[in-house]
Amino acid sequence: MGKKNYLLKAFLSAFENEKRGKVLDIGCGNGDYAYELHNMGFDVLAADMDVERFRYGNKIKFQKCNVTDKLPFENNSFDFIVFAEVIEHLKNPYDVVSELKRLLKPGGKIVLSTPNILNLKSRMRFLIEGCWEYFREIPLEHSKNPKEVIWNLHLMPWRYHELEYLLYYNNLEVENIYTSKYEGWGLFFLVPIIYFQVKSKENRAKRKGGIDFSRINKILLSKKMLFGEHLIIKAVKEMESV
């Protein structure tokens, strides 16, 4: 039996209650996500620059393309976009997300994921090693490894804060947050310290008339953010004004 894919399971749960429609799985890799969504009744198109890796060519439609380029699809073509574990590899994330927004129908949704660098395990890693969990490889040496390909590099760690802004900047509103699995329970003793720190910062800002941190702190102190291995966000494209 193969290793259980908790990230895939979480992605599928984000689609369970959605009306079936057209899905673009961009950066699809081997195609497991596209295949499972197809089995759930979605009309799926898988896309990636690595044709050889895709293993469902006889069952799922596939389009070779590079997510960093202009994509060969019409405006408002898809009800959903799957963007799993891609954004941390990109050099031009704002351009890419803008292009993905172009492809979504008004009211369409993007579900994306990236390693959750703000969980307690990752924070402890940063304290000791100076690097986040999943971002331990040295990019320069990693890129020179003949066993690797350049698009496997983890270049940009994303906090929830910046990812939320990236979506907001592209008129994509966060609808829900998911995670793959929970880990790092042995670090639970850090929770009171973190709670005290964020609440103290929140109260100081209120006294001084600064930014209201209460909304973001509610997210940061959630179980998903403190213990979730991956950060998974579902965001909806705003309806076009008449």
C-alpha atoms as a PDB file:
ATOM      1  CA  MET A   1       0.000   0.000   0.000  1.00  0.00           C
ATOM      2  CA  GLY A   2       1.341   3.432  -0.944  1.00  0.00           C
ATOM      3  CA  LYS A   3       1.795   6.323   1.430  1.00  0.00           C
ATOM      4  CA  LYS A   4      -1.480   8.110   2.182  1.00  0.00           C
ATOM      5  CA  ASN A   5      -1.737  11.446   0.388  1.00  0.00           C
ATOM      6  CA  TYR A   6      -3.253  13.734   3.021  1.00  0.00           C
ATOM      7  CA  LEU A   7      -2.866  16.800   0.810  1.00  0.00           C
ATOM      8  CA  LEU A   8      -4.881  15.202  -1.976  1.00  0.00           C
ATOM      9  CA  LYS A   9      -7.586  14.203   0.503  1.00  0.00           C
ATOM     10  CA  ALA A  10      -7.807  17.788   1.765  1.00  0.00           C
ATOM     11  CA  PHE A  11      -8.097  19.136  -1.778  1.00  0.00           C
ATOM     12  CA  LEU A  12     -10.935  16.754  -2.551  1.00  0.00           C
ATOM     13  CA  SER A  13     -12.774  17.831   0.606  1.00  0.00           C
ATOM     14  CA  ALA A  14     -12.642  21.421  -0.662  1.00  0.00           C
ATOM     15  CA  PHE A  15     -14.591  20.287  -3.752  1.00  0.00           C
ATOM     16  CA  GLU A  16     -17.095  17.903  -2.150  1.00  0.00           C
ATOM     17  CA  ASN A  17     -19.938  20.408  -1.832  1.00  0.00           C
ATOM     18  CA  GLU A  18     -19.211  22.359  -5.000  1.00  0.00           C
ATOM     19  CA  LYS A  19     -21.466  22.248  -8.037  1.00  0.00           C
ATOM     20  CA  ARG A  20     -19.732  20.169 -10.693  1.00  0.00           C
ATOM     21  CA  GLY A  21     -18.076  22.225 -13.408  1.00  0.00           C
ATOM     22  CA  LYS A  22     -14.965  22.701 -15.484  1.00  0.00           C
ATOM     23  CA  VAL A  23     -11.624  22.407 -13.658  1.00  0.00           C
ATOM     24  CA  LEU A  24      -8.104  23.359 -14.716  1.00  0.00           C
ATOM     25  CA  ASP A  25      -5.420  21.503 -12.758  1.00  0.00           C
ATOM     26  CA  ILE A  26      -2.384  23.639 -13.573  1.00  0.00           C
ATOM     27  CA  GLY A  27       1.016  22.235 -12.620  1.00  0.00           C
ATOM     28  CA  CYS A  28      -0.746  18.879 -12.388  1.00  0.00           C
ATOM     29  CA  GLY A  29       2.371  16.721 -11.990  1.00  0.00           C
ATOM     30  CA  ASN A  30       1.484  13.042 -12.313  1.00  0.00           C
ATOM     31  CA  GLY A  31      -2.233  13.857 -12.530  1.00  0.00           C
ATOM     32  CA  ASP A  32      -3.557  12.284  -9.318  1.00  0.00           C
ATOM     33  CA  TYR A  33      -5.583  15.381  -8.391  1.00  0.00           C
ATOM     34  CA  ALA A  34      -7.085  15.669 -11.875  1.00  0.00           C
ATOM     35  CA  TYR A  35      -7.967  11.974 -11.893  1.00  0.00           C
ATOM     36  CA  GLU A  36      -9.726  12.043  -8.514  1.00  0.00           C
ATOM     37  CA  LEU A  37     -11.688  15.179  -9.405  1.00  0.00           C
ATOM     38  CA  HIS A  38     -12.681  13.522 -12.676  1.00  0.00           C
ATOM     39  CA  ASN A  39     -14.009  10.581 -10.661  1.00  0.00           C
ATOM     40  CA  MET A  40     -16.036  13.028  -8.555  1.00  0.00           C
ATOM     41  CA  GLY A  41     -17.823  14.211 -11.687  1.00  0.00           C
ATOM     42  CA  PHE A  42     -15.849  17.321 -12.642  1.00  0.00           C
ATOM     43  CA  ASP A  43     -14.844  18.093 -16.233  1.00  0.00           C
ATOM     44  CA  VAL A  44     -11.066  18.269 -15.765  1.00  0.00           C
ATOM     45  CA  LEU A  45      -8.273  19.558 -17.958  1.00  0.00           C
ATOM     46  CA  ALA A  46      -4.769  18.805 -16.654  1.00  0.00           C
ATOM     47  CA  ALA A  47      -1.845  21.036 -17.622  1.00  0.00           C
ATOM     48  CA  ASP A  48       1.875  20.871 -16.987  1.00  0.00           C
ATOM     49  CA  MET A  49       5.202  21.441 -18.729  1.00  0.00           C
ATOM     50  CA  ASP A  50       6.333  17.876 -17.975  1.00  0.00           C
ATOM     51  CA  VAL A  51       4.435  15.603 -20.351  1.00  0.00           C
ATOM     52  CA  GLU A  52       6.282  12.427 -19.382  1.00  0.00           C
ATOM     53  CA  ARG A  53       5.253  12.632 -15.744  1.00  0.00           C
ATOM     54  CA  PHE A  54       1.495  12.659 -16.455  1.00  0.00           C
ATOM     55  CA  ARG A  55       0.058   9.152 -16.179  1.00  0.00           C
ATOM     56  CA  TYR A  56      -3.631   9.492 -17.035  1.00  0.00           C
ATOM     57  CA  GLY A  57      -3.399  10.438 -20.697  1.00  0.00           C
ATOM     58  CA  ASN A  58      -5.953   7.828 -21.698  1.00  0.00           C
ATOM     59  CA  LYS A  59      -8.525   9.136 -19.201  1.00  0.00           C
ATOM     60  CA  ILE A  60      -7.929  12.880 -18.646  1.00  0.00           C
ATOM     61  CA  LYS A  61      -7.458  15.667 -21.172  1.00  0.00           C
ATOM     62  CA  PHE A  62      -3.938  17.094 -20.986  1.00  0.00           C
ATOM     63  CA  GLN A  63      -2.411  20.333 -22.261  1.00  0.00           C
ATOM     64  CA  LYS A  64       1.315  21.014 -22.243  1.00  0.00           C
ATOM     65  CA  CYS A  65       2.005  24.552 -21.058  1.00  0.00           C
ATOM     66  CA  ASN A  66       4.237  26.584 -18.759  1.00  0.00           C
ATOM     67  CA  VAL A  67       2.357  28.337 -15.974  1.00  0.00           C
ATOM     68  CA  THR A  68       4.839  31.219 -16.059  1.00  0.00           C
ATOM     69  CA  ASP A  69       3.793  32.094 -19.637  1.00  0.00           C
ATOM     70  CA  LYS A  70       0.511  33.362 -21.019  1.00  0.00           C
ATOM     71  CA  LEU A  71      -1.768  30.336 -20.956  1.00  0.00           C
ATOM     72  CA  PRO A  72      -3.500  29.070 -24.125  1.00  0.00           C
ATOM     73  CA  PHE A  73      -7.055  29.371 -22.797  1.00  0.00           C
ATOM     74  CA  GLU A  74      -9.853  31.892 -23.284  1.00  0.00           C
ATOM     75  CA  ASN A  75     -10.983  34.360 -20.631  1.00  0.00           C
ATOM     76  CA  ASN A  76     -13.535  33.018 -18.139  1.00  0.00           C
ATOM     77  CA  SER A  77     -12.971  29.406 -19.248  1.00  0.00           C
ATOM     78  CA  PHE A  78     -13.038  27.532 -15.934  1.00  0.00           C
ATOM     79  CA  ASP A  79     -15.254  27.190 -12.873  1.00  0.00           C
ATOM     80  CA  PHE A  80     -12.319  26.026 -10.746  1.00  0.00           C
ATOM     81  CA  ILE A  81      -8.542  26.052 -10.810  1.00  0.00           C
ATOM     82  CA  VAL A  82      -6.369  23.634  -8.845  1.00  0.00           C
ATOM     83  CA  PHE A  83      -2.959  25.106  -8.018  1.00  0.00           C
ATOM     84  CA  ALA A  84      -1.342  22.545  -5.739  1.00  0.00           C
ATOM     85  CA  GLU A  85       2.203  23.068  -4.426  1.00  0.00           C
ATOM     86  CA  VAL A  86       3.254  25.377  -7.253  1.00  0.00           C
ATOM     87  CA  ILE A  87       3.335  28.927  -5.945  1.00  0.00           C
ATOM     88  CA  GLU A  88       6.451  28.394  -3.810  1.00  0.00           C
ATOM     89  CA  HIS A  89       8.370  27.527  -7.001  1.00  0.00           C
ATOM     90  CA  LEU A  90       7.541  30.718  -8.906  1.00  0.00           C
ATOM     91  CA  LYS A  91       9.691  33.741  -9.654  1.00  0.00           C
ATOM     92  CA  ASN A  92       6.733  35.791 -10.901  1.00  0.00           C
ATOM     93  CA  PRO A  93       3.785  34.827  -8.662  1.00  0.00           C
ATOM     94  CA  TYR A  94       1.813  38.054  -9.149  1.00  0.00           C
ATOM     95  CA  ASP A  95       1.859  37.654 -12.922  1.00  0.00           C
ATOM     96  CA  VAL A  96       0.895  33.992 -12.685  1.00  0.00           C
ATOM     97  CA  VAL A  97      -2.042  34.513 -10.319  1.00  0.00           C
ATOM     98  CA  SER A  98      -3.260  37.395 -12.475  1.00  0.00           C
ATOM     99  CA  GLU A  99      -3.237  35.057 -15.467  1.00  0.00           C
ATOM    100  CA  LEU A 100      -5.112  32.370 -13.534  1.00  0.00           C
ATOM    101  CA  LYS A 101      -7.715  34.921 -12.481  1.00  0.00           C
ATOM    102  CA  ARG A 102      -8.232  35.739 -16.168  1.00  0.00           C
ATOM    103  CA  LEU A 103      -9.159  32.112 -16.802  1.00  0.00           C
ATOM    104  CA  LEU A 104     -11.696  31.886 -13.983  1.00  0.00           C
ATOM    105  CA  LYS A 105     -15.331  32.654 -14.590  1.00  0.00           C
ATOM    106  CA  PRO A 106     -16.841  35.373 -12.353  1.00  0.00           C
ATOM    107  CA  GLY A 107     -17.701  33.551  -9.154  1.00  0.00           C
ATOM    108  CA  GLY A 108     -15.197  30.814 -10.039  1.00  0.00           C
ATOM    109  CA  LYS A 109     -12.809  29.497  -7.423  1.00  0.00           C
ATOM    110  CA  ILE A 110      -9.130  28.726  -7.113  1.00  0.00           C
ATOM    111  CA  VAL A 111      -7.873  26.174  -4.594  1.00  0.00           C
ATOM    112  CA  LEU A 112      -4.149  26.486  -3.953  1.00  0.00           C
ATOM    113  CA  SER A 113      -1.691  25.070  -1.478  1.00  0.00           C
ATOM    114  CA  THR A 114       1.802  25.674  -0.180  1.00  0.00           C
ATOM    115  CA  PRO A 115       3.816  24.439   2.820  1.00  0.00           C
ATOM    116  CA  ASN A 116       2.557  26.084   6.009  1.00  0.00           C
ATOM    117  CA  ILE A 117       5.673  27.824   7.286  1.00  0.00           C
ATOM    118  CA  LEU A 118       3.814  29.256  10.294  1.00  0.00           C
ATOM    119  CA  ASN A 119       3.052  25.966  12.011  1.00  0.00           C
ATOM    120  CA  LEU A 120       4.918  25.292  15.244  1.00  0.00           C
ATOM    121  CA  LYS A 121       7.186  22.664  13.737  1.00  0.00           C
ATOM    122  CA  SER A 122       8.326  25.058  11.021  1.00  0.00           C
ATOM    123  CA  ARG A 123       8.781  27.929  13.487  1.00  0.00           C
ATOM    124  CA  MET A 124      10.972  25.738  15.670  1.00  0.00           C
ATOM    125  CA  ARG A 125      12.969  24.714  12.600  1.00  0.00           C
ATOM    126  CA  PHE A 126      13.550  28.378  11.789  1.00  0.00           C
ATOM    127  CA  LEU A 127      14.633  29.125  15.358  1.00  0.00           C
ATOM    128  CA  ILE A 128      17.261  26.363  15.295  1.00  0.00           C
ATOM    129  CA  GLU A 129      18.386  26.261  11.641  1.00  0.00           C
ATOM    130  CA  GLY A 130      17.350  29.638  10.255  1.00  0.00           C
ATOM    131  CA  CYS A 131      15.147  28.036   7.587  1.00  0.00           C
ATOM    132  CA  TRP A 132      11.510  27.023   7.344  1.00  0.00           C
ATOM    133  CA  GLU A 133      10.270  23.457   7.020  1.00  0.00           C
ATOM    134  CA  TYR A 134      10.270  22.464   3.309  1.00  0.00           C
ATOM    135  CA  PHE A 135      12.760  25.260   2.572  1.00  0.00           C
ATOM    136  CA  ARG A 136      15.915  23.645   3.893  1.00  0.00           C
ATOM    137  CA  GLU A 137      17.623  22.981   0.553  1.00  0.00           C
ATOM    138  CA  ILE A 138      20.196  25.511  -0.649  1.00  0.00           C
ATOM    139  CA  PRO A 139      18.748  26.860  -3.941  1.00  0.00           C
ATOM    140  CA  LEU A 140      22.093  27.405  -5.667  1.00  0.00           C
ATOM    141  CA  GLU A 141      23.477  23.932  -4.970  1.00  0.00           C
ATOM    142  CA  HIS A 142      20.065  22.348  -5.422  1.00  0.00           C
ATOM    143  CA  SER A 143      19.741  23.874  -8.892  1.00  0.00           C
ATOM    144  CA  LYS A 144      23.104  22.392  -9.889  1.00  0.00           C
ATOM    145  CA  ASN A 145      22.132  18.866  -8.844  1.00  0.00           C
ATOM    146  CA  PRO A 146      21.816  16.798 -12.065  1.00  0.00           C
ATOM    147  CA  LYS A 147      19.231  14.596 -10.349  1.00  0.00           C
ATOM    148  CA  GLU A 148      16.862  17.530  -9.966  1.00  0.00           C
ATOM    149  CA  VAL A 149      15.026  19.798 -12.375  1.00  0.00           C
ATOM    150  CA  ILE A 150      14.920  23.540 -11.939  1.00  0.00           C
ATOM    151  CA  TRP A 151      11.160  23.763 -11.358  1.00  0.00           C
ATOM    152  CA  ASN A 152      11.492  21.561  -8.267  1.00  0.00           C
ATOM    153  CA  LEU A 153      13.207  24.395  -6.397  1.00  0.00           C
ATOM    154  CA  HIS A 154      11.344  25.821  -3.405  1.00  0.00           C
ATOM    155  CA  LEU A 155      12.123  29.492  -3.905  1.00  0.00           C
ATOM    156  CA  MET A 156       9.584  31.510  -1.962  1.00  0.00           C
ATOM    157  CA  PRO A 157       8.131  30.665   1.461  1.00  0.00           C
ATOM    158  CA  TRP A 158       4.659  32.156   1.873  1.00  0.00           C
ATOM    159  CA  ARG A 159       3.123  33.303   5.123  1.00  0.00           C
ATOM    160  CA  TYR A 160      -0.669  33.386   5.096  1.00  0.00           C
ATOM    161  CA  HIS A 161      -0.489  37.200   5.277  1.00  0.00           C
ATOM    162  CA  GLU A 162       1.269  37.669   1.938  1.00  0.00           C
ATOM    163  CA  LEU A 163      -0.678  34.944   0.181  1.00  0.00           C
ATOM    164  CA  GLU A 164      -3.957  36.488   1.277  1.00  0.00           C
ATOM    165  CA  TYR A 165      -2.782  39.847  -0.085  1.00  0.00           C
ATOM    166  CA  LEU A 166      -1.676  38.290  -3.374  1.00  0.00           C
ATOM    167  CA  LEU A 167      -5.202  36.931  -3.837  1.00  0.00           C
ATOM    168  CA  TYR A 168      -6.837  40.176  -2.717  1.00  0.00           C
ATOM    169  CA  TYR A 169      -4.690  42.143  -5.173  1.00  0.00           C
ATOM    170  CA  ASN A 170      -6.143  39.975  -7.945  1.00  0.00           C
ATOM    171  CA  ASN A 171      -9.777  40.358  -6.780  1.00  0.00           C
ATOM    172  CA  LEU A 172      -9.832  36.862  -5.304  1.00  0.00           C
ATOM    173  CA  GLU A 173     -11.479  36.689  -1.895  1.00  0.00           C
ATOM    174  CA  VAL A 174     -10.504  33.968   0.573  1.00  0.00           C
ATOM    175  CA  GLU A 175     -13.531  31.766   1.220  1.00  0.00           C
ATOM    176  CA  ASN A 176     -12.065  28.999   3.347  1.00  0.00           C
ATOM    177  CA  ILE A 177      -8.805  27.594   4.716  1.00  0.00           C
ATOM    178  CA  TYR A 178      -7.925  23.901   4.931  1.00  0.00           C
ATOM    179  CA  THR A 179      -4.903  21.861   5.899  1.00  0.00           C
ATOM    180  CA  SER A 180      -3.573  18.436   4.956  1.00  0.00           C
ATOM    181  CA  LYS A 181      -2.845  16.948   8.369  1.00  0.00           C
ATOM    182  CA  TYR A 182      -1.902  18.046  11.847  1.00  0.00           C
ATOM    183  CA  GLU A 183       1.605  17.689  13.247  1.00  0.00           C
ATOM    184  CA  GLY A 184       3.889  19.055  15.962  1.00  0.00           C
ATOM    185  CA  TRP A 185       1.634  18.350  18.940  1.00  0.00           C
ATOM    186  CA  GLY A 186       4.726  18.029  21.127  1.00  0.00           C
ATOM    187  CA  LEU A 187       5.243  21.776  20.692  1.00  0.00           C
ATOM    188  CA  PHE A 188       1.846  22.635  22.156  1.00  0.00           C
ATOM    189  CA  PHE A 189       3.622  24.247  25.129  1.00  0.00           C
ATOM    190  CA  LEU A 190       4.498  27.153  22.798  1.00  0.00           C
ATOM    191  CA  VAL A 191       0.859  28.071  22.204  1.00  0.00           C
ATOM    192  CA  PRO A 192       0.392  30.185  25.387  1.00  0.00           C
ATOM    193  CA  ILE A 193       3.597  32.096  24.569  1.00  0.00           C
ATOM    194  CA  ILE A 194       2.478  32.804  21.017  1.00  0.00           C
ATOM    195  CA  TYR A 195      -1.016  33.723  22.195  1.00  0.00           C
ATOM    196  CA  PHE A 196       0.398  36.207  24.702  1.00  0.00           C
ATOM    197  CA  GLN A 197       2.712  37.740  22.104  1.00  0.00           C
ATOM    198  CA  VAL A 198       0.105  38.258  19.383  1.00  0.00           C
ATOM    199  CA  LYS A 199      -2.522  39.541  21.787  1.00  0.00           C
ATOM    200  CA  SER A 200      -0.036  41.972  23.338  1.00  0.00           C
ATOM    201  CA  LYS A 201       0.823  43.278  19.880  1.00  0.00           C
ATOM    202  CA  GLU A 202      -2.866  43.544  19.037  1.00  0.00           C
ATOM    203  CA  ASN A 203      -3.627  45.520  22.208  1.00  0.00           C
ATOM    204  CA  ARG A 204      -0.646  47.866  21.739  1.00  0.00           C
ATOM    205  CA  ALA A 205      -1.762  48.651  18.209  1.00  0.00           C
ATOM    206  CA  LYS A 206      -5.302  49.397  19.376  1.00  0.00           C
ATOM    207  CA  ARG A 207      -4.069  51.754  22.092  1.00  0.00           C
ATOM    208  CA  LYS A 208      -1.942  53.653  19.597  1.00  0.00           C
ATOM    209  CA  GLY A 209      -4.647  53.770  16.935  1.00  0.00           C
ATOM    210  CA  GLY A 210      -2.676  51.531  14.590  1.00  0.00           C
ATOM    211  CA  ILE A 211      -3.600  48.492  12.515  1.00  0.00           C
ATOM    212  CA  ASP A 212      -6.286  46.211  13.896  1.00  0.00           C
ATOM    213  CA  PHE A 213      -4.620  42.790  14.182  1.00  0.00           C
ATOM    214  CA  SER A 214      -7.678  41.002  15.593  1.00  0.00           C
ATOM    215  CA  ARG A 215      -8.816  39.503  12.266  1.00  0.00           C
ATOM    216  CA  ILE A 216      -5.437  38.106  11.248  1.00  0.00           C
ATOM    217  CA  ASN A 217      -4.654  36.928  14.783  1.00  0.00           C
ATOM    218  CA  LYS A 218      -7.818  34.840  14.835  1.00  0.00           C
ATOM    219  CA  ILE A 219      -6.472  33.021  11.781  1.00  0.00           C
ATOM    220  CA  LEU A 220      -2.902  32.732  13.055  1.00  0.00           C
ATOM    221  CA  LEU A 221      -4.036  31.237  16.367  1.00  0.00           C
ATOM    222  CA  SER A 222      -6.254  28.652  14.701  1.00  0.00           C
ATOM    223  CA  LYS A 223      -5.504  24.936  14.950  1.00  0.00           C
ATOM    224  CA  LYS A 224      -5.030  24.770  11.181  1.00  0.00           C
ATOM    225  CA  MET A 225      -2.357  27.448  11.202  1.00  0.00           C
ATOM    226  CA  LEU A 226      -0.490  26.321  14.313  1.00  0.00           C
ATOM    227  CA  PHE A 227      -0.442  22.588  13.541  1.00  0.00           C
ATOM    228  CA  GLY A 228      -1.393  22.134   9.878  1.00  0.00           C
ATOM    229  CA  GLU A 229       1.337  20.792   7.599  1.00  0.00           C
ATOM    230  CA  HIS A 230       0.058  22.600   4.493  1.00  0.00           C
ATOM    231  CA  LEU A 231      -1.791  25.843   3.972  1.00  0.00           C
ATOM    232  CA  ILE A 232      -4.690  25.310   1.560  1.00  0.00           C
ATOM    233  CA  ILE A 233      -6.812  28.271   0.515  1.00  0.00           C
ATOM    234  CA  LYS A 234     -10.027  28.389  -1.476  1.00  0.00           C
ATOM    235  CA  ALA A 235     -10.650  31.834  -2.972  1.00  0.00           C
ATOM    236  CA  VAL A 236     -13.462  33.090  -5.171  1.00  0.00           C
ATOM    237  CA  LYS A 237     -13.216  35.515  -8.069  1.00  0.00           C
ATOM    238  CA  GLU A 238     -15.358  38.573  -7.475  1.00  0.00           C
ATOM    239  CA  MET A 239     -18.396  38.955  -9.697  1.00  0.00           C
ATOM    240  CA  GLU A 240     -17.954  41.578 -12.382  1.00  0.00           C
ATOM    241  CA  SER A 241     -19.837  44.810 -11.739  1.00  0.00           C
ATOM    242  CA  VAL A 242     -22.568  45.655 -14.212  1.00  0.00           C
END
